[in-house]
């Protein structure tokens, strides 16, 4: 058990388009963590509903409970006294799994958003959160170095493919280095 909530200095807030929901989201080790109570608020349902979905997720072995939960000890005010309580937090995988099961207006909004992101990833091959890139302080130089390296690898792969095509073209029976089509073809770099 950990003695404090994760990443107290890394808190983000989620809001619906109409600004009704505001949830504290904590980050630690590049993962977010929510309590059942926060998930209930996020998806607009009861904590009992969240608990039932989590129970079914773990019983069905969709997720492994040990790898998607952490128990934290927090101090909270109860009346005039401060009390130390143990709280179970659930990571992003658990939150997404619950989001795909909850039948509420916000659950539907979540699924619509998530499906749109997945669709972009599947059809375009990537998904980018432009606002986070522009406004977040969560990304260090290492993150951008990794991103640049990925892009370089993609570009190198494109060059190899282009080189293979030009090699095939130049070995064709009717290849002529003087032909207009050949000059046009090789000018497309």
N, C-alpha and C. Protein backbone atom coordinates (compact mmCIF):
# COMPACT_ATOMS: atom_id res chain seq x y z
N UNK A 1 0.84 -1.18 0.00
CA UNK A 1 0.00 0.00 0.00
C UNK A 1 0.88 1.24 0.00
N UNK A 2 0.48 2.23 -0.74
CA UNK A 2 1.23 3.48 -0.80
C UNK A 2 0.65 4.45 0.21
N UNK A 3 1.51 5.36 0.69
CA UNK A 3 1.09 6.27 1.75
C UNK A 3 0.39 7.53 1.26
N UNK A 4 0.38 7.75 -0.01
CA UNK A 4 -0.28 8.96 -0.50
C UNK A 4 -0.89 8.70 -1.86
N UNK A 5 -1.76 9.58 -2.26
CA UNK A 5 -2.34 9.48 -3.59
C UNK A 5 -1.26 9.72 -4.62
N UNK A 6 -1.38 9.12 -5.79
CA UNK A 6 -0.34 9.27 -6.79
C UNK A 6 -0.23 10.67 -7.34
N UNK A 7 0.99 11.07 -7.65
CA UNK A 7 1.27 12.29 -8.38
C UNK A 7 0.48 13.49 -7.95
N UNK A 8 0.53 13.87 -6.67
CA UNK A 8 -0.26 15.00 -6.21
C UNK A 8 -0.01 16.28 -7.00
N UNK A 9 1.16 16.40 -7.60
CA UNK A 9 1.45 17.60 -8.38
C UNK A 9 0.98 17.48 -9.82
N UNK A 10 0.42 16.35 -10.20
CA UNK A 10 -0.04 16.15 -11.58
C UNK A 10 -1.53 15.87 -11.58
N UNK A 11 -2.33 16.91 -11.57
CA UNK A 11 -3.78 16.77 -11.52
C UNK A 11 -4.38 17.41 -12.75
N UNK A 12 -5.23 16.66 -13.43
CA UNK A 12 -5.97 17.18 -14.57
C UNK A 12 -7.45 17.13 -14.24
N UNK A 13 -8.24 17.87 -14.98
CA UNK A 13 -9.68 17.85 -14.77
C UNK A 13 -10.38 17.52 -16.06
N UNK A 14 -11.42 16.72 -15.97
CA UNK A 14 -12.24 16.35 -17.11
C UNK A 14 -13.54 17.10 -16.99
N UNK A 15 -13.99 17.71 -18.06
CA UNK A 15 -15.29 18.37 -18.07
C UNK A 15 -16.04 17.98 -19.33
N UNK A 16 -17.36 17.84 -19.20
CA UNK A 16 -18.18 17.61 -20.38
C UNK A 16 -18.27 18.92 -21.14
N UNK A 17 -18.79 18.86 -22.37
CA UNK A 17 -18.89 20.07 -23.18
C UNK A 17 -19.72 21.15 -22.49
N UNK A 18 -20.72 20.74 -21.71
CA UNK A 18 -21.55 21.73 -21.03
C UNK A 18 -20.95 22.14 -19.68
N UNK A 19 -19.76 21.63 -19.35
CA UNK A 19 -19.05 22.05 -18.14
C UNK A 19 -19.59 21.48 -16.85
N UNK A 20 -20.48 20.50 -16.89
CA UNK A 20 -21.10 19.99 -15.67
C UNK A 20 -20.19 19.11 -14.82
N UNK A 21 -19.37 18.30 -15.44
CA UNK A 21 -18.56 17.36 -14.67
C UNK A 21 -17.15 17.87 -14.54
N UNK A 22 -16.64 17.86 -13.35
CA UNK A 22 -15.26 18.25 -13.11
C UNK A 22 -14.66 17.20 -12.18
N UNK A 23 -13.73 16.44 -12.68
CA UNK A 23 -13.18 15.32 -11.92
C UNK A 23 -11.68 15.48 -11.77
N UNK A 24 -11.21 15.20 -10.59
CA UNK A 24 -9.78 15.22 -10.33
C UNK A 24 -9.19 13.91 -10.85
N UNK A 25 -8.22 14.03 -11.72
CA UNK A 25 -7.56 12.85 -12.28
C UNK A 25 -6.10 12.92 -11.90
N UNK A 26 -5.59 11.88 -11.29
CA UNK A 26 -4.21 11.88 -10.83
C UNK A 26 -3.34 10.99 -11.70
N UNK A 27 -2.13 11.46 -11.96
CA UNK A 27 -1.19 10.71 -12.78
C UNK A 27 -0.02 10.22 -11.95
N UNK A 28 0.40 9.00 -12.21
CA UNK A 28 1.63 8.44 -11.65
C UNK A 28 2.15 7.42 -12.63
N UNK A 29 3.44 7.50 -12.93
CA UNK A 29 4.06 6.56 -13.87
C UNK A 29 3.30 6.47 -15.18
N UNK A 30 2.96 7.62 -15.74
CA UNK A 30 2.26 7.69 -17.02
C UNK A 30 0.94 6.93 -17.02
N UNK A 31 0.24 6.93 -15.92
CA UNK A 31 -1.08 6.31 -15.85
C UNK A 31 -1.98 7.20 -15.01
N UNK A 32 -3.28 7.15 -15.27
CA UNK A 32 -4.20 7.91 -14.43
C UNK A 32 -4.87 6.96 -13.46
N UNK A 33 -5.31 7.50 -12.34
CA UNK A 33 -5.92 6.69 -11.29
C UNK A 33 -7.18 7.38 -10.79
N UNK A 34 -8.29 6.63 -10.71
CA UNK A 34 -9.56 7.15 -10.21
C UNK A 34 -10.13 6.19 -9.17
N UNK A 35 -10.87 6.74 -8.22
CA UNK A 35 -11.62 5.92 -7.28
C UNK A 35 -12.94 5.51 -7.94
N UNK A 36 -13.65 4.58 -7.32
CA UNK A 36 -14.98 4.22 -7.84
C UNK A 36 -15.91 5.43 -7.78
N UNK A 37 -15.77 6.22 -6.74
CA UNK A 37 -16.60 7.42 -6.59
C UNK A 37 -16.36 8.40 -7.75
N UNK A 38 -15.09 8.60 -8.10
CA UNK A 38 -14.78 9.50 -9.22
C UNK A 38 -15.27 8.93 -10.55
N UNK A 39 -15.15 7.60 -10.72
CA UNK A 39 -15.68 6.99 -11.95
C UNK A 39 -17.18 7.17 -12.04
N UNK A 40 -17.87 7.03 -10.91
CA UNK A 40 -19.33 7.21 -10.90
C UNK A 40 -19.69 8.63 -11.32
N UNK A 41 -18.94 9.60 -10.83
CA UNK A 41 -19.18 10.99 -11.20
C UNK A 41 -18.86 11.21 -12.68
N UNK A 42 -17.75 10.64 -13.14
CA UNK A 42 -17.34 10.77 -14.53
C UNK A 42 -18.40 10.24 -15.49
N UNK A 43 -18.95 9.06 -15.17
CA UNK A 43 -19.89 8.41 -16.08
C UNK A 43 -21.36 8.67 -15.72
N UNK A 44 -21.62 9.47 -14.69
CA UNK A 44 -22.99 9.84 -14.35
C UNK A 44 -23.84 8.68 -13.87
N UNK A 45 -23.31 7.89 -12.96
CA UNK A 45 -24.06 6.75 -12.41
C UNK A 45 -23.68 6.58 -10.94
N UNK A 46 -24.18 5.53 -10.32
CA UNK A 46 -23.89 5.30 -8.90
C UNK A 46 -22.58 4.54 -8.71
N UNK A 47 -22.02 4.67 -7.52
CA UNK A 47 -20.82 3.90 -7.17
C UNK A 47 -21.11 2.41 -7.18
N UNK A 48 -22.35 2.04 -6.80
CA UNK A 48 -22.75 0.62 -6.83
C UNK A 48 -22.69 0.08 -8.25
N UNK A 49 -23.11 0.89 -9.21
CA UNK A 49 -23.07 0.49 -10.62
C UNK A 49 -21.62 0.26 -11.07
N UNK A 50 -20.74 1.18 -10.69
CA UNK A 50 -19.32 1.04 -11.02
C UNK A 50 -18.75 -0.22 -10.39
N UNK A 51 -19.09 -0.45 -9.13
CA UNK A 51 -18.61 -1.63 -8.41
C UNK A 51 -19.06 -2.92 -9.11
N UNK A 52 -20.31 -2.96 -9.55
CA UNK A 52 -20.84 -4.14 -10.25
C UNK A 52 -20.09 -4.37 -11.56
N UNK A 53 -19.85 -3.31 -12.32
CA UNK A 53 -19.13 -3.45 -13.59
C UNK A 53 -17.69 -3.93 -13.35
N UNK A 54 -17.03 -3.37 -12.34
CA UNK A 54 -15.67 -3.80 -12.03
C UNK A 54 -15.63 -5.27 -11.61
N UNK A 55 -16.61 -5.65 -10.80
CA UNK A 55 -16.69 -7.06 -10.36
C UNK A 55 -16.80 -7.98 -11.58
N UNK A 56 -17.67 -7.63 -12.52
CA UNK A 56 -17.85 -8.46 -13.72
C UNK A 56 -16.62 -8.43 -14.63
N UNK A 57 -15.95 -7.30 -14.70
CA UNK A 57 -14.73 -7.18 -15.50
C UNK A 57 -13.66 -8.13 -14.96
N UNK A 58 -13.52 -8.16 -13.64
CA UNK A 58 -12.50 -9.03 -13.03
C UNK A 58 -12.93 -10.50 -13.03
N UNK A 59 -14.22 -10.77 -12.80
CA UNK A 59 -14.69 -12.16 -12.84
C UNK A 59 -14.57 -12.75 -14.24
N UNK A 60 -14.84 -11.94 -15.25
CA UNK A 60 -14.74 -12.39 -16.63
C UNK A 60 -13.31 -12.42 -17.15
N UNK A 61 -12.37 -12.02 -16.30
CA UNK A 61 -10.94 -12.01 -16.66
C UNK A 61 -10.63 -11.10 -17.84
N UNK A 62 -11.47 -10.07 -18.01
CA UNK A 62 -11.19 -9.06 -19.02
C UNK A 62 -9.92 -8.30 -18.63
N UNK A 63 -9.78 -8.05 -17.34
CA UNK A 63 -8.59 -7.39 -16.79
C UNK A 63 -8.12 -8.15 -15.56
N UNK A 64 -6.86 -7.94 -15.23
CA UNK A 64 -6.29 -8.52 -14.02
C UNK A 64 -6.36 -7.47 -12.91
N UNK A 65 -7.01 -7.80 -11.81
CA UNK A 65 -7.21 -6.84 -10.73
C UNK A 65 -5.88 -6.34 -10.17
N UNK A 66 -4.90 -7.23 -10.03
CA UNK A 66 -3.61 -6.84 -9.45
C UNK A 66 -2.86 -5.82 -10.31
N UNK A 67 -3.05 -5.86 -11.61
CA UNK A 67 -2.32 -4.93 -12.48
C UNK A 67 -3.11 -3.66 -12.79
N UNK A 68 -4.35 -3.58 -12.36
CA UNK A 68 -5.17 -2.39 -12.67
C UNK A 68 -5.63 -1.64 -11.43
N UNK A 69 -5.21 -2.08 -10.25
CA UNK A 69 -5.61 -1.39 -9.01
C UNK A 69 -4.39 -1.13 -8.14
N UNK A 70 -4.50 -0.11 -7.32
CA UNK A 70 -3.51 0.21 -6.29
C UNK A 70 -4.27 0.67 -5.06
N UNK A 71 -3.80 0.27 -3.89
CA UNK A 71 -4.41 0.73 -2.66
C UNK A 71 -3.55 1.85 -2.09
N UNK A 72 -4.19 2.96 -1.76
CA UNK A 72 -3.50 4.12 -1.23
C UNK A 72 -4.09 4.48 0.12
N UNK A 73 -3.28 5.03 0.97
CA UNK A 73 -3.72 5.52 2.26
C UNK A 73 -3.81 7.03 2.17
N UNK A 74 -4.99 7.57 2.49
CA UNK A 74 -5.16 9.03 2.43
C UNK A 74 -5.69 9.54 3.76
N UNK A 75 -5.44 10.79 4.02
CA UNK A 75 -5.98 11.45 5.21
C UNK A 75 -7.10 12.35 4.74
N UNK A 76 -8.27 12.18 5.37
CA UNK A 76 -9.41 13.02 5.00
C UNK A 76 -10.08 13.54 6.25
N UNK A 77 -10.73 14.69 6.11
CA UNK A 77 -11.45 15.28 7.24
C UNK A 77 -12.82 14.66 7.36
N UNK A 78 -13.15 14.24 8.57
CA UNK A 78 -14.49 13.75 8.88
C UNK A 78 -14.95 14.53 10.10
N UNK A 79 -15.76 15.53 9.84
CA UNK A 79 -16.15 16.43 10.92
C UNK A 79 -14.95 17.27 11.32
N UNK A 80 -14.61 17.23 12.60
CA UNK A 80 -13.48 18.00 13.10
C UNK A 80 -12.17 17.21 13.15
N UNK A 81 -12.23 15.94 12.85
CA UNK A 81 -11.01 15.13 12.98
C UNK A 81 -10.49 14.67 11.62
N UNK A 82 -9.20 14.41 11.60
CA UNK A 82 -8.57 13.87 10.40
C UNK A 82 -8.44 12.37 10.57
N UNK A 83 -8.89 11.63 9.55
CA UNK A 83 -8.90 10.17 9.61
C UNK A 83 -8.12 9.63 8.43
N UNK A 84 -7.31 8.61 8.70
CA UNK A 84 -6.55 7.95 7.64
C UNK A 84 -7.38 6.78 7.12
N UNK A 85 -7.63 6.78 5.81
CA UNK A 85 -8.44 5.73 5.18
C UNK A 85 -7.67 5.09 4.04
N UNK A 86 -7.93 3.82 3.82
CA UNK A 86 -7.38 3.13 2.66
C UNK A 86 -8.37 3.26 1.51
N UNK A 87 -7.86 3.63 0.35
CA UNK A 87 -8.70 3.83 -0.83
C UNK A 87 -8.10 3.04 -1.99
N UNK A 88 -8.96 2.34 -2.73
CA UNK A 88 -8.52 1.62 -3.92
C UNK A 88 -8.71 2.53 -5.12
N UNK A 89 -7.66 2.66 -5.91
CA UNK A 89 -7.72 3.45 -7.14
C UNK A 89 -7.56 2.51 -8.33
N UNK A 90 -8.21 2.87 -9.43
CA UNK A 90 -8.24 2.05 -10.64
C UNK A 90 -7.55 2.81 -11.77
N UNK A 91 -6.76 2.09 -12.57
CA UNK A 91 -5.99 2.76 -13.62
C UNK A 91 -6.82 2.95 -14.89
N UNK A 92 -6.17 3.52 -15.90
CA UNK A 92 -6.83 3.86 -17.16
C UNK A 92 -7.52 2.67 -17.81
N UNK A 93 -6.87 1.49 -17.81
CA UNK A 93 -7.49 0.31 -18.42
C UNK A 93 -8.84 0.00 -17.77
N UNK A 94 -8.89 0.07 -16.44
CA UNK A 94 -10.14 -0.22 -15.74
C UNK A 94 -11.19 0.84 -16.05
N UNK A 95 -10.78 2.11 -16.09
CA UNK A 95 -11.72 3.20 -16.38
C UNK A 95 -12.31 3.02 -17.77
N UNK A 96 -11.48 2.68 -18.75
CA UNK A 96 -11.97 2.47 -20.12
C UNK A 96 -12.94 1.29 -20.17
N UNK A 97 -12.59 0.20 -19.51
CA UNK A 97 -13.46 -0.98 -19.51
C UNK A 97 -14.82 -0.67 -18.89
N UNK A 98 -14.81 0.07 -17.80
CA UNK A 98 -16.07 0.47 -17.17
C UNK A 98 -16.84 1.39 -18.11
N UNK A 99 -16.14 2.32 -18.76
CA UNK A 99 -16.79 3.26 -19.68
C UNK A 99 -17.53 2.58 -20.81
N UNK A 100 -17.04 1.42 -21.23
CA UNK A 100 -17.70 0.68 -22.30
C UNK A 100 -18.87 -0.15 -21.79
N UNK A 101 -19.11 -0.16 -20.49
CA UNK A 101 -20.22 -0.94 -19.94
C UNK A 101 -21.34 -0.06 -19.37
N UNK A 102 -20.99 1.12 -18.91
CA UNK A 102 -21.96 1.98 -18.24
C UNK A 102 -23.02 2.47 -19.23
N UNK A 103 -24.27 2.34 -18.84
CA UNK A 103 -25.37 2.78 -19.70
C UNK A 103 -25.95 4.07 -19.14
N UNK A 104 -25.28 5.17 -19.45
CA UNK A 104 -25.73 6.49 -19.02
C UNK A 104 -25.41 7.47 -20.13
N UNK A 105 -25.93 8.68 -20.02
CA UNK A 105 -25.67 9.69 -21.03
C UNK A 105 -24.17 9.96 -21.16
N UNK A 106 -23.48 10.06 -20.01
CA UNK A 106 -22.04 10.31 -20.05
C UNK A 106 -21.27 9.08 -20.51
N UNK A 107 -21.78 7.90 -20.20
CA UNK A 107 -21.16 6.67 -20.69
C UNK A 107 -21.21 6.62 -22.21
N UNK A 108 -22.36 7.01 -22.76
CA UNK A 108 -22.53 7.05 -24.21
C UNK A 108 -21.58 8.10 -24.81
N UNK A 109 -21.49 9.26 -24.17
CA UNK A 109 -20.58 10.31 -24.66
C UNK A 109 -19.13 9.82 -24.63
N UNK A 110 -18.77 9.09 -23.58
CA UNK A 110 -17.42 8.53 -23.50
C UNK A 110 -17.17 7.54 -24.63
N UNK A 111 -18.12 6.64 -24.86
CA UNK A 111 -17.95 5.64 -25.92
C UNK A 111 -17.86 6.30 -27.29
N UNK A 112 -18.65 7.34 -27.51
CA UNK A 112 -18.60 8.07 -28.78
C UNK A 112 -17.22 8.69 -28.97
N UNK A 113 -16.72 9.33 -27.91
CA UNK A 113 -15.39 9.95 -27.95
C UNK A 113 -14.32 8.88 -28.20
N UNK A 114 -14.35 7.79 -27.43
CA UNK A 114 -13.33 6.74 -27.53
C UNK A 114 -13.37 6.07 -28.91
N UNK A 115 -14.57 5.83 -29.41
CA UNK A 115 -14.71 5.20 -30.73
C UNK A 115 -14.15 6.11 -31.81
N UNK A 116 -14.38 7.41 -31.69
CA UNK A 116 -13.83 8.37 -32.65
C UNK A 116 -12.30 8.34 -32.64
N UNK A 117 -11.72 8.28 -31.44
CA UNK A 117 -10.25 8.21 -31.32
C UNK A 117 -9.73 6.91 -31.92
N UNK A 118 -10.39 5.79 -31.64
CA UNK A 118 -9.98 4.50 -32.20
C UNK A 118 -10.11 4.49 -33.72
N UNK A 119 -11.19 5.09 -34.22
CA UNK A 119 -11.40 5.15 -35.67
C UNK A 119 -10.27 5.94 -36.33
N UNK A 120 -9.91 7.08 -35.75
CA UNK A 120 -8.79 7.86 -36.28
C UNK A 120 -7.51 7.04 -36.29
N UNK A 121 -7.28 6.33 -35.21
CA UNK A 121 -6.07 5.52 -35.11
C UNK A 121 -6.05 4.41 -36.15
N UNK A 122 -7.18 3.76 -36.33
CA UNK A 122 -7.26 2.65 -37.28
C UNK A 122 -7.14 3.15 -38.72
N UNK A 123 -7.85 4.21 -39.09
CA UNK A 123 -7.84 4.68 -40.47
C UNK A 123 -6.63 5.55 -40.81
N UNK A 124 -6.22 6.42 -39.89
CA UNK A 124 -5.09 7.31 -40.16
C UNK A 124 -3.76 6.71 -39.72
N UNK A 125 -3.83 5.80 -38.76
CA UNK A 125 -2.60 5.22 -38.22
C UNK A 125 -2.06 5.99 -37.03
N UNK A 126 -2.76 7.03 -36.61
CA UNK A 126 -2.34 7.81 -35.45
C UNK A 126 -3.53 8.57 -34.88
N UNK A 127 -3.38 9.00 -33.65
CA UNK A 127 -4.35 9.88 -33.00
C UNK A 127 -3.55 10.88 -32.18
N UNK A 128 -3.85 12.15 -32.34
CA UNK A 128 -3.09 13.20 -31.64
C UNK A 128 -4.05 14.08 -30.86
N UNK A 129 -3.69 14.34 -29.61
CA UNK A 129 -4.43 15.27 -28.78
C UNK A 129 -3.71 16.62 -28.87
N UNK A 130 -4.06 17.42 -29.87
CA UNK A 130 -3.37 18.68 -30.14
C UNK A 130 -3.36 19.62 -28.94
N UNK A 131 -4.50 19.72 -28.25
CA UNK A 131 -4.56 20.63 -27.10
C UNK A 131 -3.56 20.24 -26.02
N UNK A 132 -3.43 18.93 -25.77
CA UNK A 132 -2.48 18.50 -24.75
C UNK A 132 -1.05 18.83 -25.17
N UNK A 133 -0.73 18.64 -26.44
CA UNK A 133 0.61 18.98 -26.92
C UNK A 133 0.88 20.47 -26.76
N UNK A 134 -0.11 21.29 -27.05
CA UNK A 134 0.08 22.74 -27.01
C UNK A 134 0.13 23.27 -25.58
N UNK A 135 -0.65 22.68 -24.67
CA UNK A 135 -0.85 23.29 -23.36
C UNK A 135 -0.27 22.52 -22.18
N UNK A 136 0.18 21.30 -22.37
CA UNK A 136 0.58 20.48 -21.23
C UNK A 136 2.05 20.65 -20.89
N UNK A 137 2.33 20.49 -19.61
CA UNK A 137 3.71 20.49 -19.14
C UNK A 137 4.15 19.06 -18.82
N UNK A 138 3.31 18.08 -19.12
CA UNK A 138 3.61 16.67 -18.82
C UNK A 138 4.66 16.08 -19.74
N UNK A 139 4.96 16.72 -20.84
CA UNK A 139 5.87 16.13 -21.80
C UNK A 139 7.27 16.72 -21.64
N UNK A 140 8.24 15.85 -21.48
CA UNK A 140 9.62 16.31 -21.38
C UNK A 140 10.33 16.11 -22.72
N UNK A 141 11.59 16.50 -22.78
CA UNK A 141 12.35 16.40 -24.03
C UNK A 141 12.44 14.96 -24.51
N UNK A 142 12.52 14.01 -23.58
CA UNK A 142 12.60 12.59 -23.94
C UNK A 142 11.37 12.17 -24.74
N UNK A 143 10.20 12.64 -24.34
CA UNK A 143 8.96 12.30 -25.04
C UNK A 143 9.01 12.77 -26.49
N UNK A 144 9.43 14.01 -26.69
CA UNK A 144 9.48 14.55 -28.05
C UNK A 144 10.59 13.89 -28.87
N UNK A 145 11.69 13.52 -28.21
CA UNK A 145 12.75 12.79 -28.91
C UNK A 145 12.23 11.45 -29.41
N UNK A 146 11.44 10.76 -28.59
CA UNK A 146 10.85 9.48 -29.01
C UNK A 146 9.90 9.67 -30.18
N UNK A 147 9.10 10.74 -30.13
CA UNK A 147 8.16 11.04 -31.21
C UNK A 147 8.91 11.33 -32.51
N UNK A 148 9.95 12.13 -32.44
CA UNK A 148 10.76 12.44 -33.62
C UNK A 148 11.39 11.17 -34.18
N UNK A 149 11.88 10.29 -33.31
CA UNK A 149 12.49 9.03 -33.76
C UNK A 149 11.47 8.15 -34.48
N UNK A 150 10.23 8.09 -33.96
CA UNK A 150 9.17 7.33 -34.63
C UNK A 150 8.94 7.87 -36.04
N UNK A 151 8.87 9.19 -36.16
CA UNK A 151 8.63 9.82 -37.46
C UNK A 151 9.80 9.52 -38.41
N UNK A 152 11.03 9.56 -37.89
CA UNK A 152 12.20 9.24 -38.72
C UNK A 152 12.12 7.80 -39.25
N UNK A 153 11.71 6.87 -38.38
CA UNK A 153 11.59 5.47 -38.80
C UNK A 153 10.55 5.31 -39.90
N UNK A 154 9.44 6.03 -39.76
CA UNK A 154 8.39 5.98 -40.79
C UNK A 154 8.93 6.54 -42.10
N UNK A 155 9.62 7.67 -42.03
CA UNK A 155 10.17 8.29 -43.23
C UNK A 155 11.21 7.38 -43.89
N UNK A 156 12.04 6.71 -43.10
CA UNK A 156 13.04 5.79 -43.65
C UNK A 156 12.36 4.64 -44.36
N UNK A 157 11.28 4.15 -43.79
CA UNK A 157 10.52 3.07 -44.40
C UNK A 157 9.93 3.53 -45.73
N UNK A 158 9.43 4.77 -45.78
CA UNK A 158 8.89 5.32 -47.03
C UNK A 158 9.98 5.40 -48.09
N UNK A 159 11.18 5.84 -47.70
CA UNK A 159 12.29 5.94 -48.66
C UNK A 159 12.67 4.57 -49.21
N UNK A 160 12.68 3.56 -48.35
CA UNK A 160 13.01 2.20 -48.80
C UNK A 160 11.97 1.72 -49.80
N UNK A 161 10.69 1.96 -49.50
CA UNK A 161 9.62 1.55 -50.42
C UNK A 161 9.75 2.27 -51.75
N UNK A 162 10.01 3.56 -51.70
CA UNK A 162 10.16 4.34 -52.93
C UNK A 162 11.35 3.83 -53.74
N UNK A 163 12.45 3.50 -53.05
CA UNK A 163 13.63 2.98 -53.73
C UNK A 163 13.33 1.66 -54.43
N UNK A 164 12.56 0.80 -53.77
CA UNK A 164 12.19 -0.49 -54.38
C UNK A 164 11.36 -0.27 -55.65
N UNK A 165 10.43 0.68 -55.59
CA UNK A 165 9.60 0.97 -56.76
C UNK A 165 10.46 1.49 -57.90
N UNK A 166 11.37 2.41 -57.60
CA UNK A 166 12.23 2.95 -58.66
C UNK A 166 13.15 1.88 -59.24
N UNK A 167 13.62 0.95 -58.40
CA UNK A 167 14.44 -0.16 -58.90
C UNK A 167 13.65 -1.04 -59.86
N UNK A 168 12.41 -1.34 -59.48
CA UNK A 168 11.55 -2.17 -60.34
C UNK A 168 11.28 -1.45 -61.66
N UNK A 169 10.97 -0.15 -61.58
CA UNK A 169 10.69 0.64 -62.78
C UNK A 169 11.89 0.63 -63.73
N UNK A 170 13.08 0.80 -63.18
CA UNK A 170 14.26 0.89 -64.04
C UNK A 170 14.65 -0.45 -64.66
N UNK A 171 14.10 -1.56 -64.17
CA UNK A 171 14.41 -2.87 -64.77
C UNK A 171 13.33 -3.33 -65.74
N UNK A 172 12.33 -2.51 -65.97
CA UNK A 172 11.26 -2.92 -66.89
C UNK A 172 11.78 -2.98 -68.33
N UNK A 173 11.12 -3.79 -69.14
CA UNK A 173 11.55 -4.05 -70.52
C UNK A 173 11.58 -2.77 -71.35
N UNK A 174 10.57 -1.92 -71.19
CA UNK A 174 10.48 -0.72 -72.04
C UNK A 174 11.09 0.52 -71.36
N UNK A 175 11.97 0.31 -70.38
CA UNK A 175 12.61 1.43 -69.68
C UNK A 175 13.54 2.20 -70.62
N UNK A 176 13.38 3.51 -70.58
CA UNK A 176 14.29 4.38 -71.33
C UNK A 176 14.57 5.59 -70.45
N UNK A 177 15.82 5.82 -70.16
CA UNK A 177 16.17 6.94 -69.29
C UNK A 177 15.86 8.29 -69.92
N UNK A 178 15.66 8.31 -71.24
CA UNK A 178 15.37 9.56 -71.95
C UNK A 178 13.87 9.84 -72.08
N UNK A 179 13.05 8.86 -71.80
CA UNK A 179 11.60 9.02 -71.99
C UNK A 179 11.04 10.07 -71.03
N UNK A 180 10.05 10.83 -71.50
CA UNK A 180 9.40 11.86 -70.69
C UNK A 180 8.77 11.24 -69.44
N UNK A 181 8.13 10.06 -69.61
CA UNK A 181 7.50 9.37 -68.47
C UNK A 181 8.53 9.03 -67.40
N UNK A 182 9.70 8.60 -67.82
CA UNK A 182 10.77 8.26 -66.86
C UNK A 182 11.22 9.50 -66.11
N UNK A 183 11.42 10.59 -66.83
CA UNK A 183 11.85 11.84 -66.19
C UNK A 183 10.78 12.34 -65.22
N UNK A 184 9.51 12.24 -65.63
CA UNK A 184 8.42 12.63 -64.74
C UNK A 184 8.37 11.74 -63.49
N UNK A 185 8.53 10.44 -63.72
CA UNK A 185 8.47 9.49 -62.61
C UNK A 185 9.56 9.77 -61.58
N UNK A 186 10.78 9.95 -62.04
CA UNK A 186 11.89 10.16 -61.11
C UNK A 186 11.93 11.58 -60.55
N UNK A 187 11.15 12.49 -61.11
CA UNK A 187 11.10 13.86 -60.60
C UNK A 187 10.16 14.00 -59.42
N UNK A 188 9.39 12.97 -59.10
CA UNK A 188 8.35 13.06 -58.06
C UNK A 188 8.93 12.95 -56.65
N UNK A 189 10.12 13.04 -56.43
CA UNK A 189 10.72 12.86 -55.10
C UNK A 189 10.21 13.83 -54.14
